[in-house]
Amino acid sequence: NRGEVYDFERGGPADIQTPYWLTDDSVSSSSWCYTVGIGY
């Protein structure tokens, strides 16, 4: 985290955290890509 930004997959810290960070999340819990019957 000196030169790059840490990523929390599907989440994040419980409180303020430094340095600045990122999370990637998805509209669905079942799949990151389209599937028949995908839920949101």
PDB file of all heavy atoms in Angstrom:
ATOM      1  N   ASN A   1       0.801  -1.222   0.000  1.00  0.00           N
ATOM      2  CA  ASN A   1       0.000   0.000   0.000  1.00  0.00           C
ATOM      3  C   ASN A   1       0.835   1.274   0.000  1.00  0.00           C
ATOM      4  O   ASN A   1       0.307   2.355   0.227  1.00  0.00           O
ATOM      5  CB  ASN A   1      -0.990   0.001   1.175  1.00  0.00           C
ATOM      6  CG  ASN A   1      -0.308  -0.064   2.534  1.00  0.00           C
ATOM      7  OD1 ASN A   1       0.883   0.203   2.660  1.00  0.00           O
ATOM      8  ND2 ASN A   1      -1.067  -0.427   3.550  1.00  0.00           N
ATOM      9  N   ARG A   2       2.124   1.144  -0.280  1.00  0.00           N
ATOM     10  CA  ARG A   2       2.922   2.355  -0.445  1.00  0.00           C
ATOM     11  C   ARG A   2       2.665   2.993  -1.812  1.00  0.00           C
ATOM     12  O   ARG A   2       2.564   4.204  -1.936  1.00  0.00           O
ATOM     13  CB  ARG A   2       4.404   2.030  -0.300  1.00  0.00           C
ATOM     14  CG  ARG A   2       4.810   1.568   1.090  1.00  0.00           C
ATOM     15  CD  ARG A   2       6.314   1.350   1.160  1.00  0.00           C
ATOM     16  NE  ARG A   2       6.731   0.904   2.474  1.00  0.00           N
ATOM     17  CZ  ARG A   2       8.000   0.746   2.831  1.00  0.00           C
ATOM     18  NH1 ARG A   2       8.965   0.988   1.955  1.00  0.00           N
ATOM     19  NH2 ARG A   2       8.312   0.336   4.051  1.00  0.00           N
ATOM     20  N   GLY A   3       2.619   2.157  -2.844  1.00  0.00           N
ATOM     21  CA  GLY A   3       2.450   2.683  -4.193  1.00  0.00           C
ATOM     22  C   GLY A   3       1.181   2.240  -4.882  1.00  0.00           C
ATOM     23  O   GLY A   3       0.831   2.751  -5.944  1.00  0.00           O
ATOM     24  N   GLU A   4       0.461   1.253  -4.282  1.00  0.00           N
ATOM     25  CA  GLU A   4      -0.734   0.691  -4.890  1.00  0.00           C
ATOM     26  C   GLU A   4      -1.897   0.740  -3.901  1.00  0.00           C
ATOM     27  O   GLU A   4      -1.704   1.001  -2.712  1.00  0.00           O
ATOM     28  CB  GLU A   4      -0.475  -0.758  -5.327  1.00  0.00           C
ATOM     29  CG  GLU A   4       0.547  -0.893  -6.442  1.00  0.00           C
ATOM     30  CD  GLU A   4       1.974  -0.683  -5.981  1.00  0.00           C
ATOM     31  OE1 GLU A   4       2.415  -1.374  -5.041  1.00  0.00           O
ATOM     32  OE2 GLU A   4       2.655   0.215  -6.532  1.00  0.00           O
ATOM     33  N   VAL A   5      -3.097   0.449  -4.386  1.00  0.00           N
ATOM     34  CA  VAL A   5      -4.311   0.524  -3.572  1.00  0.00           C
ATOM     35  C   VAL A   5      -4.811  -0.885  -3.279  1.00  0.00           C
ATOM     36  O   VAL A   5      -5.046  -1.677  -4.201  1.00  0.00           O
ATOM     37  CB  VAL A   5      -5.404   1.337  -4.299  1.00  0.00           C
ATOM     38  CG1 VAL A   5      -6.730   1.254  -3.549  1.00  0.00           C
ATOM     39  CG2 VAL A   5      -4.974   2.797  -4.444  1.00  0.00           C
ATOM     40  N   TYR A   6      -4.988  -1.190  -1.995  1.00  0.00           N
ATOM     41  CA  TYR A   6      -5.475  -2.509  -1.596  1.00  0.00           C
ATOM     42  C   TYR A   6      -6.964  -2.644  -1.890  1.00  0.00           C
ATOM     43  O   TYR A   6      -7.746  -1.702  -1.679  1.00  0.00           O
ATOM     44  CB  TYR A   6      -5.217  -2.745  -0.108  1.00  0.00           C
ATOM     45  CG  TYR A   6      -5.711  -4.097   0.358  1.00  0.00           C
ATOM     46  CD1 TYR A   6      -5.017  -5.254   0.030  1.00  0.00           C
ATOM     47  CD2 TYR A   6      -6.892  -4.232   1.078  1.00  0.00           C
ATOM     48  CE1 TYR A   6      -5.473  -6.503   0.408  1.00  0.00           C
ATOM     49  CE2 TYR A   6      -7.351  -5.475   1.472  1.00  0.00           C
ATOM     50  CZ  TYR A   6      -6.648  -6.606   1.137  1.00  0.00           C
ATOM     51  OH  TYR A   6      -7.110  -7.840   1.513  1.00  0.00           O
ATOM     52  N   ASP A   7      -7.353  -3.832  -2.353  1.00  0.00           N
ATOM     53  CA  ASP A   7      -8.751  -4.109  -2.689  1.00  0.00           C
ATOM     54  C   ASP A   7      -9.326  -5.181  -1.773  1.00  0.00           C
ATOM     55  O   ASP A   7      -8.754  -6.265  -1.643  1.00  0.00           O
ATOM     56  CB  ASP A   7      -8.865  -4.580  -4.138  1.00  0.00           C
ATOM     57  CG  ASP A   7     -10.274  -5.046  -4.479  1.00  0.00           C
ATOM     58  OD1 ASP A   7     -11.154  -4.188  -4.589  1.00  0.00           O
ATOM     59  OD2 ASP A   7     -10.480  -6.267  -4.611  1.00  0.00           O
ATOM     60  N   PHE A   8     -10.463  -4.855  -1.140  1.00  0.00           N
ATOM     61  CA  PHE A   8     -11.255  -5.843  -0.417  1.00  0.00           C
ATOM     62  C   PHE A   8     -12.266  -6.438  -1.395  1.00  0.00           C
ATOM     63  O   PHE A   8     -13.128  -5.714  -1.906  1.00  0.00           O
ATOM     64  CB  PHE A   8     -12.041  -5.191   0.720  1.00  0.00           C
ATOM     65  CG  PHE A   8     -11.223  -4.711   1.879  1.00  0.00           C
ATOM     66  CD1 PHE A   8     -10.656  -3.444   1.878  1.00  0.00           C
ATOM     67  CD2 PHE A   8     -11.045  -5.509   2.990  1.00  0.00           C
ATOM     68  CE1 PHE A   8      -9.936  -2.984   2.958  1.00  0.00           C
ATOM     69  CE2 PHE A   8     -10.321  -5.061   4.081  1.00  0.00           C
ATOM     70  CZ  PHE A   8      -9.760  -3.795   4.067  1.00  0.00           C
ATOM     71  N   GLU A   9     -12.198  -7.739  -1.641  1.00  0.00           N
ATOM     72  CA  GLU A   9     -13.199  -8.362  -2.489  1.00  0.00           C
ATOM     73  C   GLU A   9     -14.487  -8.562  -1.708  1.00  0.00           C
ATOM     74  O   GLU A   9     -14.480  -9.171  -0.637  1.00  0.00           O
ATOM     75  CB  GLU A   9     -12.704  -9.702  -3.022  1.00  0.00           C
ATOM     76  CG  GLU A   9     -13.707 -10.379  -3.947  1.00  0.00           C
ATOM     77  CD  GLU A   9     -13.158 -11.647  -4.573  1.00  0.00           C
ATOM     78  OE1 GLU A   9     -11.930 -11.795  -4.663  1.00  0.00           O
ATOM     79  OE2 GLU A   9     -13.972 -12.493  -4.993  1.00  0.00           O
ATOM     80  N   ARG A  10     -15.599  -8.041  -2.246  1.00  0.00           N
ATOM     81  CA  ARG A  10     -16.916  -8.182  -1.611  1.00  0.00           C
ATOM     82  C   ARG A  10     -16.867  -7.809  -0.127  1.00  0.00           C
ATOM     83  O   ARG A  10     -17.266  -8.590   0.731  1.00  0.00           O
ATOM     84  CB  ARG A  10     -17.425  -9.614  -1.736  1.00  0.00           C
ATOM     85  CG  ARG A  10     -17.867 -10.043  -3.128  1.00  0.00           C
ATOM     86  CD  ARG A  10     -18.590 -11.370  -3.033  1.00  0.00           C
ATOM     87  NE  ARG A  10     -18.976 -11.948  -4.300  1.00  0.00           N
ATOM     88  CZ  ARG A  10     -20.130 -11.734  -4.926  1.00  0.00           C
ATOM     89  NH1 ARG A  10     -21.006 -10.891  -4.416  1.00  0.00           N
ATOM     90  NH2 ARG A  10     -20.401 -12.359  -6.057  1.00  0.00           N
ATOM     91  N   GLY A  11     -16.389  -6.645   0.195  1.00  0.00           N
ATOM     92  CA  GLY A  11     -16.355  -6.286   1.605  1.00  0.00           C
ATOM     93  C   GLY A  11     -15.725  -4.939   1.843  1.00  0.00           C
ATOM     94  O   GLY A  11     -15.791  -4.036   1.022  1.00  0.00           O
ATOM     95  N   GLY A  12     -15.093  -4.825   2.995  1.00  0.00           N
ATOM     96  CA  GLY A  12     -14.448  -3.593   3.398  1.00  0.00           C
ATOM     97  C   GLY A  12     -14.183  -3.632   4.883  1.00  0.00           C
ATOM     98  O   GLY A  12     -14.625  -4.542   5.586  1.00  0.00           O
ATOM     99  N   PRO A  13     -13.449  -2.652   5.399  1.00  0.00           N
ATOM    100  CA  PRO A  13     -13.146  -2.635   6.831  1.00  0.00           C
ATOM    101  C   PRO A  13     -14.374  -2.278   7.656  1.00  0.00           C
ATOM    102  O   PRO A  13     -15.350  -1.730   7.152  1.00  0.00           O
ATOM    103  CB  PRO A  13     -12.074  -1.552   6.936  1.00  0.00           C
ATOM    104  CG  PRO A  13     -12.351  -0.632   5.791  1.00  0.00           C
ATOM    105  CD  PRO A  13     -12.849  -1.511   4.682  1.00  0.00           C
ATOM    106  N   ALA A  14     -14.303  -2.598   8.940  1.00  0.00           N
ATOM    107  CA  ALA A  14     -15.404  -2.288   9.845  1.00  0.00           C
ATOM    108  C   ALA A  14     -15.346  -0.847  10.327  1.00  0.00           C
ATOM    109  O   ALA A  14     -16.336  -0.338  10.870  1.00  0.00           O
ATOM    110  CB  ALA A  14     -15.380  -3.234  11.043  1.00  0.00           C
ATOM    111  N   ASP A  15     -14.218  -0.194  10.135  1.00  0.00           N
ATOM    112  CA  ASP A  15     -14.053   1.189  10.580  1.00  0.00           C
ATOM    113  C   ASP A  15     -13.211   1.914   9.545  1.00  0.00           C
ATOM    114  O   ASP A  15     -12.781   1.325   8.544  1.00  0.00           O
ATOM    115  CB  ASP A  15     -13.388   1.217  11.965  1.00  0.00           C
ATOM    116  CG  ASP A  15     -13.687   2.491  12.752  1.00  0.00           C
ATOM    117  OD1 ASP A  15     -13.974   3.533  12.122  1.00  0.00           O
ATOM    118  OD2 ASP A  15     -13.636   2.450  13.995  1.00  0.00           O
ATOM    119  N   ILE A  16     -12.973   3.189   9.781  1.00  0.00           N
ATOM    120  CA  ILE A  16     -12.133   3.972   8.884  1.00  0.00           C
ATOM    121  C   ILE A  16     -10.752   3.329   8.798  1.00  0.00           C
ATOM    122  O   ILE A  16     -10.186   2.920   9.806  1.00  0.00           O
ATOM    123  CB  ILE A  16     -12.018   5.421   9.389  1.00  0.00           C
ATOM    124  CG1 ILE A  16     -13.390   6.102   9.361  1.00  0.00           C
ATOM    125  CG2 ILE A  16     -11.015   6.210   8.568  1.00  0.00           C
ATOM    126  CD1 ILE A  16     -13.420   7.435  10.075  1.00  0.00           C
ATOM    127  N   GLN A  17     -10.250   3.224   7.580  1.00  0.00           N
ATOM    128  CA  GLN A  17      -8.923   2.643   7.382  1.00  0.00           C
ATOM    129  C   GLN A  17      -8.109   3.510   6.447  1.00  0.00           C
ATOM    130  O   GLN A  17      -8.617   4.011   5.444  1.00  0.00           O
ATOM    131  CB  GLN A  17      -9.019   1.232   6.813  1.00  0.00           C
ATOM    132  CG  GLN A  17      -7.657   0.592   6.581  1.00  0.00           C
ATOM    133  CD  GLN A  17      -7.753  -0.896   6.396  1.00  0.00           C
ATOM    134  OE1 GLN A  17      -8.219  -1.610   7.270  1.00  0.00           O
ATOM    135  NE2 GLN A  17      -7.313  -1.382   5.259  1.00  0.00           N
ATOM    136  N   THR A  18      -6.870   3.706   6.797  1.00  0.00           N
ATOM    137  CA  THR A  18      -5.918   4.383   5.928  1.00  0.00           C
ATOM    138  C   THR A  18      -4.773   3.434   5.632  1.00  0.00           C
ATOM    139  O   THR A  18      -4.494   2.551   6.438  1.00  0.00           O
ATOM    140  CB  THR A  18      -5.366   5.653   6.605  1.00  0.00           C
ATOM    141  OG1 THR A  18      -4.797   5.301   7.872  1.00  0.00           O
ATOM    142  CG2 THR A  18      -6.460   6.682   6.820  1.00  0.00           C
ATOM    143  N   PRO A  19      -4.105   3.585   4.467  1.00  0.00           N
ATOM    144  CA  PRO A  19      -4.385   4.562   3.425  1.00  0.00           C
ATOM    145  C   PRO A  19      -5.639   4.207   2.632  1.00  0.00           C
ATOM    146  O   PRO A  19      -6.294   3.209   2.925  1.00  0.00           O
ATOM    147  CB  PRO A  19      -3.135   4.494   2.552  1.00  0.00           C
ATOM    148  CG  PRO A  19      -2.629   3.096   2.736  1.00  0.00           C
ATOM    149  CD  PRO A  19      -2.940   2.747   4.160  1.00  0.00           C
ATOM    150  N   TYR A  20      -5.918   5.057   1.642  1.00  0.00           N
ATOM    151  CA  TYR A  20      -7.139   4.923   0.859  1.00  0.00           C
ATOM    152  C   TYR A  20      -7.222   3.542   0.212  1.00  0.00           C
ATOM    153  O   TYR A  20      -6.228   2.991  -0.242  1.00  0.00           O
ATOM    154  CB  TYR A  20      -7.171   6.009  -0.221  1.00  0.00           C
ATOM    155  CG  TYR A  20      -8.568   6.380  -0.646  1.00  0.00           C
ATOM    156  CD1 TYR A  20      -9.340   7.246   0.112  1.00  0.00           C
ATOM    157  CD2 TYR A  20      -9.116   5.849  -1.803  1.00  0.00           C
ATOM    158  CE1 TYR A  20     -10.629   7.584  -0.274  1.00  0.00           C
ATOM    159  CE2 TYR A  20     -10.403   6.176  -2.197  1.00  0.00           C
ATOM    160  CZ  TYR A  20     -11.155   7.046  -1.430  1.00  0.00           C
ATOM    161  OH  TYR A  20     -12.434   7.366  -1.813  1.00  0.00           O
ATOM    162  N   TRP A  21      -8.433   2.980   0.149  1.00  0.00           N
ATOM    163  CA  TRP A  21      -8.602   1.603  -0.292  1.00  0.00           C
ATOM    164  C   TRP A  21      -9.772   1.495  -1.272  1.00  0.00           C
ATOM    165  O   TRP A  21     -10.479   2.465  -1.540  1.00  0.00           O
ATOM    166  CB  TRP A  21      -8.829   0.679   0.912  1.00  0.00           C
ATOM    167  CG  TRP A  21      -9.937   1.128   1.833  1.00  0.00           C
ATOM    168  CD1 TRP A  21      -9.853   2.016   2.861  1.00  0.00           C
ATOM    169  CD2 TRP A  21     -11.311   0.732   1.773  1.00  0.00           C
ATOM    170  NE1 TRP A  21     -11.085   2.199   3.456  1.00  0.00           N
ATOM    171  CE2 TRP A  21     -11.995   1.417   2.813  1.00  0.00           C
ATOM    172  CE3 TRP A  21     -12.021  -0.148   0.959  1.00  0.00           C
ATOM    173  CZ2 TRP A  21     -13.369   1.258   3.038  1.00  0.00           C
ATOM    174  CZ3 TRP A  21     -13.392  -0.303   1.183  1.00  0.00           C
ATOM    175  CH2 TRP A  21     -14.039   0.397   2.216  1.00  0.00           C
ATOM    176  N   LEU A  22      -9.977   0.279  -1.779  1.00  0.00           N
ATOM    177  CA  LEU A  22     -11.026  -0.012  -2.763  1.00  0.00           C
ATOM    178  C   LEU A  22     -11.717  -1.305  -2.385  1.00  0.00           C
ATOM    179  O   LEU A  22     -11.108  -2.188  -1.770  1.00  0.00           O
ATOM    180  CB  LEU A  22     -10.390  -0.169  -4.156  1.00  0.00           C
ATOM    181  CG  LEU A  22     -11.283  -0.670  -5.309  1.00  0.00           C
ATOM    182  CD1 LEU A  22     -12.277   0.394  -5.726  1.00  0.00           C
ATOM    183  CD2 LEU A  22     -10.422  -1.097  -6.506  1.00  0.00           C
ATOM    184  N   THR A  23     -13.000  -1.416  -2.722  1.00  0.00           N
ATOM    185  CA  THR A  23     -13.660  -2.710  -2.695  1.00  0.00           C
ATOM    186  C   THR A  23     -14.291  -2.966  -4.055  1.00  0.00           C
ATOM    187  O   THR A  23     -14.771  -2.047  -4.712  1.00  0.00           O
ATOM    188  CB  THR A  23     -14.739  -2.797  -1.604  1.00  0.00           C
ATOM    189  OG1 THR A  23     -15.295  -4.114  -1.579  1.00  0.00           O
ATOM    190  CG2 THR A  23     -15.876  -1.826  -1.851  1.00  0.00           C
ATOM    191  N   ASP A  24     -14.246  -4.237  -4.494  1.00  0.00           N
ATOM    192  CA  ASP A  24     -15.036  -4.633  -5.657  1.00  0.00           C
ATOM    193  C   ASP A  24     -16.153  -5.544  -5.167  1.00  0.00           C
ATOM    194  O   ASP A  24     -15.920  -6.477  -4.404  1.00  0.00           O
ATOM    195  CB  ASP A  24     -14.180  -5.324  -6.716  1.00  0.00           C
ATOM    196  CG  ASP A  24     -13.591  -6.652  -6.256  1.00  0.00           C
ATOM    197  OD1 ASP A  24     -12.810  -6.659  -5.285  1.00  0.00           O
ATOM    198  OD2 ASP A  24     -13.900  -7.679  -6.877  1.00  0.00           O
ATOM    199  N   ASP A  25     -17.361  -5.228  -5.559  1.00  0.00           N
ATOM    200  CA  ASP A  25     -18.523  -6.025  -5.183  1.00  0.00           C
ATOM    201  C   ASP A  25     -19.328  -6.302  -6.441  1.00  0.00           C
ATOM    202  O   ASP A  25     -18.993  -5.814  -7.525  1.00  0.00           O
ATOM    203  CB  ASP A  25     -19.366  -5.300  -4.130  1.00  0.00           C
ATOM    204  CG  ASP A  25     -20.018  -6.251  -3.140  1.00  0.00           C
ATOM    205  OD1 ASP A  25     -20.364  -7.388  -3.540  1.00  0.00           O
ATOM    206  OD2 ASP A  25     -20.183  -5.877  -1.976  1.00  0.00           O
ATOM    207  N   SER A  26     -20.388  -7.087  -6.295  1.00  0.00           N
ATOM    208  CA  SER A  26     -21.168  -7.480  -7.463  1.00  0.00           C
ATOM    209  C   SER A  26     -22.653  -7.373  -7.169  1.00  0.00           C
ATOM    210  O   SER A  26     -23.078  -7.428  -6.010  1.00  0.00           O
ATOM    211  CB  SER A  26     -20.826  -8.915  -7.881  1.00  0.00           C
ATOM    212  OG  SER A  26     -21.494  -9.263  -9.082  1.00  0.00           O
ATOM    213  N   VAL A  27     -23.439  -7.250  -8.227  1.00  0.00           N
ATOM    214  CA  VAL A  27     -24.890  -7.172  -8.077  1.00  0.00           C
ATOM    215  C   VAL A  27     -25.483  -8.494  -7.622  1.00  0.00           C
ATOM    216  O   VAL A  27     -26.613  -8.545  -7.146  1.00  0.00           O
ATOM    217  CB  VAL A  27     -25.573  -6.724  -9.386  1.00  0.00           C
ATOM    218  CG1 VAL A  27     -25.184  -5.293  -9.732  1.00  0.00           C
ATOM    219  CG2 VAL A  27     -25.242  -7.681 -10.536  1.00  0.00           C
ATOM    220  N   SER A  28     -24.728  -9.582  -7.767  1.00  0.00           N
ATOM    221  CA  SER A  28     -25.233 -10.915  -7.444  1.00  0.00           C
ATOM    222  C   SER A  28     -24.322 -11.609  -6.451  1.00  0.00           C
ATOM    223  O   SER A  28     -23.100 -11.444  -6.486  1.00  0.00           O
ATOM    224  CB  SER A  28     -25.332 -11.765  -8.706  1.00  0.00           C
ATOM    225  OG  SER A  28     -25.712 -13.101  -8.402  1.00  0.00           O
ATOM    226  N   SER A  29     -24.921 -12.417  -5.583  1.00  0.00           N
ATOM    227  CA  SER A  29     -24.130 -13.222  -4.656  1.00  0.00           C
ATOM    228  C   SER A  29     -23.739 -14.563  -5.260  1.00  0.00           C
ATOM    229  O   SER A  29     -22.824 -15.227  -4.766  1.00  0.00           O
ATOM    230  CB  SER A  29     -24.925 -13.468  -3.373  1.00  0.00           C
ATOM    231  OG  SER A  29     -26.100 -14.214  -3.661  1.00  0.00           O
ATOM    232  N   SER A  30     -24.411 -14.970  -6.331  1.00  0.00           N
ATOM    233  CA  SER A  30     -24.223 -16.328  -6.852  1.00  0.00           C
ATOM    234  C   SER A  30     -23.165 -16.422  -7.935  1.00  0.00           C
ATOM    235  O   SER A  30     -22.520 -17.463  -8.091  1.00  0.00           O
ATOM    236  CB  SER A  30     -25.547 -16.871  -7.401  1.00  0.00           C
ATOM    237  OG  SER A  30     -26.020 -16.065  -8.476  1.00  0.00           O
ATOM    238  N   SER A  31     -22.974 -15.364  -8.691  1.00  0.00           N
ATOM    239  CA  SER A  31     -22.048 -15.421  -9.814  1.00  0.00           C
ATOM    240  C   SER A  31     -21.625 -14.021 -10.195  1.00  0.00           C
ATOM    241  O   SER A  31     -22.404 -13.068 -10.084  1.00  0.00           O
ATOM    242  CB  SER A  31     -22.703 -16.094 -11.018  1.00  0.00           C
ATOM    243  OG  SER A  31     -21.858 -16.056 -12.153  1.00  0.00           O
ATOM    244  N   TRP A  32     -20.383 -13.894 -10.661  1.00  0.00           N
ATOM    245  CA  TRP A  32     -19.916 -12.617 -11.193  1.00  0.00           C
ATOM    246  C   TRP A  32     -20.283 -12.460 -12.665  1.00  0.00           C
ATOM    247  O   TRP A  32     -20.274 -11.344 -13.180  1.00  0.00           O
ATOM    248  CB  TRP A  32     -18.399 -12.510 -11.016  1.00  0.00           C
ATOM    249  CG  TRP A  32     -17.979 -12.383  -9.588  1.00  0.00           C
ATOM    250  CD1 TRP A  32     -17.829 -13.394  -8.690  1.00  0.00           C
ATOM    251  CD2 TRP A  32     -17.654 -11.183  -8.881  1.00  0.00           C
ATOM    252  NE1 TRP A  32     -17.436 -12.893  -7.473  1.00  0.00           N
ATOM    253  CE2 TRP A  32     -17.312 -11.542  -7.562  1.00  0.00           C
ATOM    254  CE3 TRP A  32     -17.604  -9.829  -9.240  1.00  0.00           C
ATOM    255  CZ2 TRP A  32     -16.929 -10.598  -6.597  1.00  0.00           C
ATOM    256  CZ3 TRP A  32     -17.225  -8.894  -8.284  1.00  0.00           C
ATOM    257  CH2 TRP A  32     -16.898  -9.272  -6.983  1.00  0.00           C
ATOM    258  N   CYS A  33     -20.577 -13.552 -13.353  1.00  0.00           N
ATOM    259  CA  CYS A  33     -21.005 -13.466 -14.750  1.00  0.00           C
ATOM    260  C   CYS A  33     -22.480 -13.849 -14.845  1.00  0.00           C
ATOM    261  O   CYS A  33     -23.061 -14.392 -13.901  1.00  0.00           O
ATOM    262  CB  CYS A  33     -20.155 -14.369 -15.647  1.00  0.00           C
ATOM    263  SG  CYS A  33     -20.549 -16.135 -15.557  1.00  0.00           S
ATOM    264  N   TYR A  34     -23.066 -13.591 -15.994  1.00  0.00           N
ATOM    265  CA  TYR A  34     -24.478 -13.915 -16.187  1.00  0.00           C
ATOM    266  C   TYR A  34     -24.691 -15.423 -16.180  1.00  0.00           C
ATOM    267  O   TYR A  34     -23.951 -16.189 -16.802  1.00  0.00           O
ATOM    268  CB  TYR A  34     -24.997 -13.340 -17.506  1.00  0.00           C
ATOM    269  CG  TYR A  34     -26.432 -13.727 -17.751  1.00  0.00           C
ATOM    270  CD1 TYR A  34     -27.467 -13.075 -17.093  1.00  0.00           C
ATOM    271  CD2 TYR A  34     -26.749 -14.792 -18.601  1.00  0.00           C
ATOM    272  CE1 TYR A  34     -28.782 -13.455 -17.278  1.00  0.00           C
ATOM    273  CE2 TYR A  34     -28.060 -15.177 -18.789  1.00  0.00           C
ATOM    274  CZ  TYR A  34     -29.071 -14.502 -18.127  1.00  0.00           C
ATOM    275  OH  TYR A  34     -30.375 -14.894 -18.303  1.00  0.00           O
ATOM    276  N   THR A  35     -25.734 -15.838 -15.458  1.00  0.00           N
ATOM    277  CA  THR A  35     -26.203 -17.223 -15.492  1.00  0.00           C
ATOM    278  C   THR A  35     -27.721 -17.205 -15.547  1.00  0.00           C
ATOM    279  O   THR A  35     -28.362 -16.242 -15.083  1.00  0.00           O
ATOM    280  CB  THR A  35     -25.754 -18.020 -14.250  1.00  0.00           C
ATOM    281  OG1 THR A  35     -26.272 -17.384 -13.074  1.00  0.00           O
ATOM    282  CG2 THR A  35     -24.247 -18.104 -14.165  1.00  0.00           C
ATOM    283  N   VAL A  36     -28.281 -18.230 -16.096  1.00  0.00           N
ATOM    284  CA  VAL A  36     -29.741 -18.325 -16.126  1.00  0.00           C
ATOM    285  C   VAL A  36     -30.251 -18.391 -14.686  1.00  0.00           C
ATOM    286  O   VAL A  36     -29.763 -19.181 -13.875  1.00  0.00           O
ATOM    287  CB  VAL A  36     -30.189 -19.577 -16.911  1.00  0.00           C
ATOM    288  CG1 VAL A  36     -31.699 -19.754 -16.826  1.00  0.00           C
ATOM    289  CG2 VAL A  36     -29.741 -19.470 -18.371  1.00  0.00           C
ATOM    290  N   GLY A  37     -31.211 -17.529 -14.365  1.00  0.00           N
ATOM    291  CA  GLY A  37     -31.776 -17.499 -13.025  1.00  0.00           C
ATOM    292  C   GLY A  37     -30.952 -16.732 -12.014  1.00  0.00           C
ATOM    293  O   GLY A  37     -31.208 -16.839 -10.799  1.00  0.00           O
ATOM    294  N   ILE A  38     -29.984 -15.950 -12.459  1.00  0.00           N
ATOM    295  CA  ILE A  38     -29.137 -15.188 -11.547  1.00  0.00           C
ATOM    296  C   ILE A  38     -29.996 -14.310 -10.630  1.00  0.00           C
ATOM    297  O   ILE A  38     -30.979 -13.708 -11.055  1.00  0.00           O
ATOM    298  CB  ILE A  38     -28.121 -14.335 -12.339  1.00  0.00           C
ATOM    299  CG1 ILE A  38     -27.085 -13.698 -11.412  1.00  0.00           C
ATOM    300  CG2 ILE A  38     -28.813 -13.286 -13.196  1.00  0.00           C
ATOM    301  CD1 ILE A  38     -25.932 -13.018 -12.153  1.00  0.00           C
ATOM    302  N   GLY A  39     -29.632 -14.241  -9.357  1.00  0.00           N
ATOM    303  CA  GLY A  39     -30.332 -13.402  -8.392  1.00  0.00           C
ATOM    304  C   GLY A  39     -29.509 -12.178  -8.049  1.00  0.00           C
ATOM    305  O   GLY A  39     -28.297 -12.129  -8.290  1.00  0.00           O
ATOM    306  N   TYR A  40     -30.158 -11.182  -7.457  1.00  0.00           N
ATOM    307  CA  TYR A  40     -29.493  -9.908  -7.195  1.00  0.00           C
ATOM    308  C   TYR A  40     -29.678  -9.469  -5.748  1.00  0.00           C
ATOM    309  O   TYR A  40     -30.693  -9.757  -5.118  1.00  0.00           O
ATOM    310  CB  TYR A  40     -30.052  -8.815  -8.112  1.00  0.00           C
ATOM    311  CG  TYR A  40     -29.976  -9.137  -9.580  1.00  0.00           C
ATOM    312  CD1 TYR A  40     -31.118  -9.150 -10.366  1.00  0.00           C
ATOM    313  CD2 TYR A  40     -28.753  -9.448 -10.175  1.00  0.00           C
ATOM    314  CE1 TYR A  40     -31.050  -9.462 -11.720  1.00  0.00           C
ATOM    315  CE2 TYR A  40     -28.676  -9.761 -11.528  1.00  0.00           C
ATOM    316  CZ  TYR A  40     -29.827  -9.769 -12.295  1.00  0.00           C
ATOM    317  OH  TYR A  40     -29.753 -10.086 -13.622  1.00  0.00           O
TER     318      TYR A  40
END
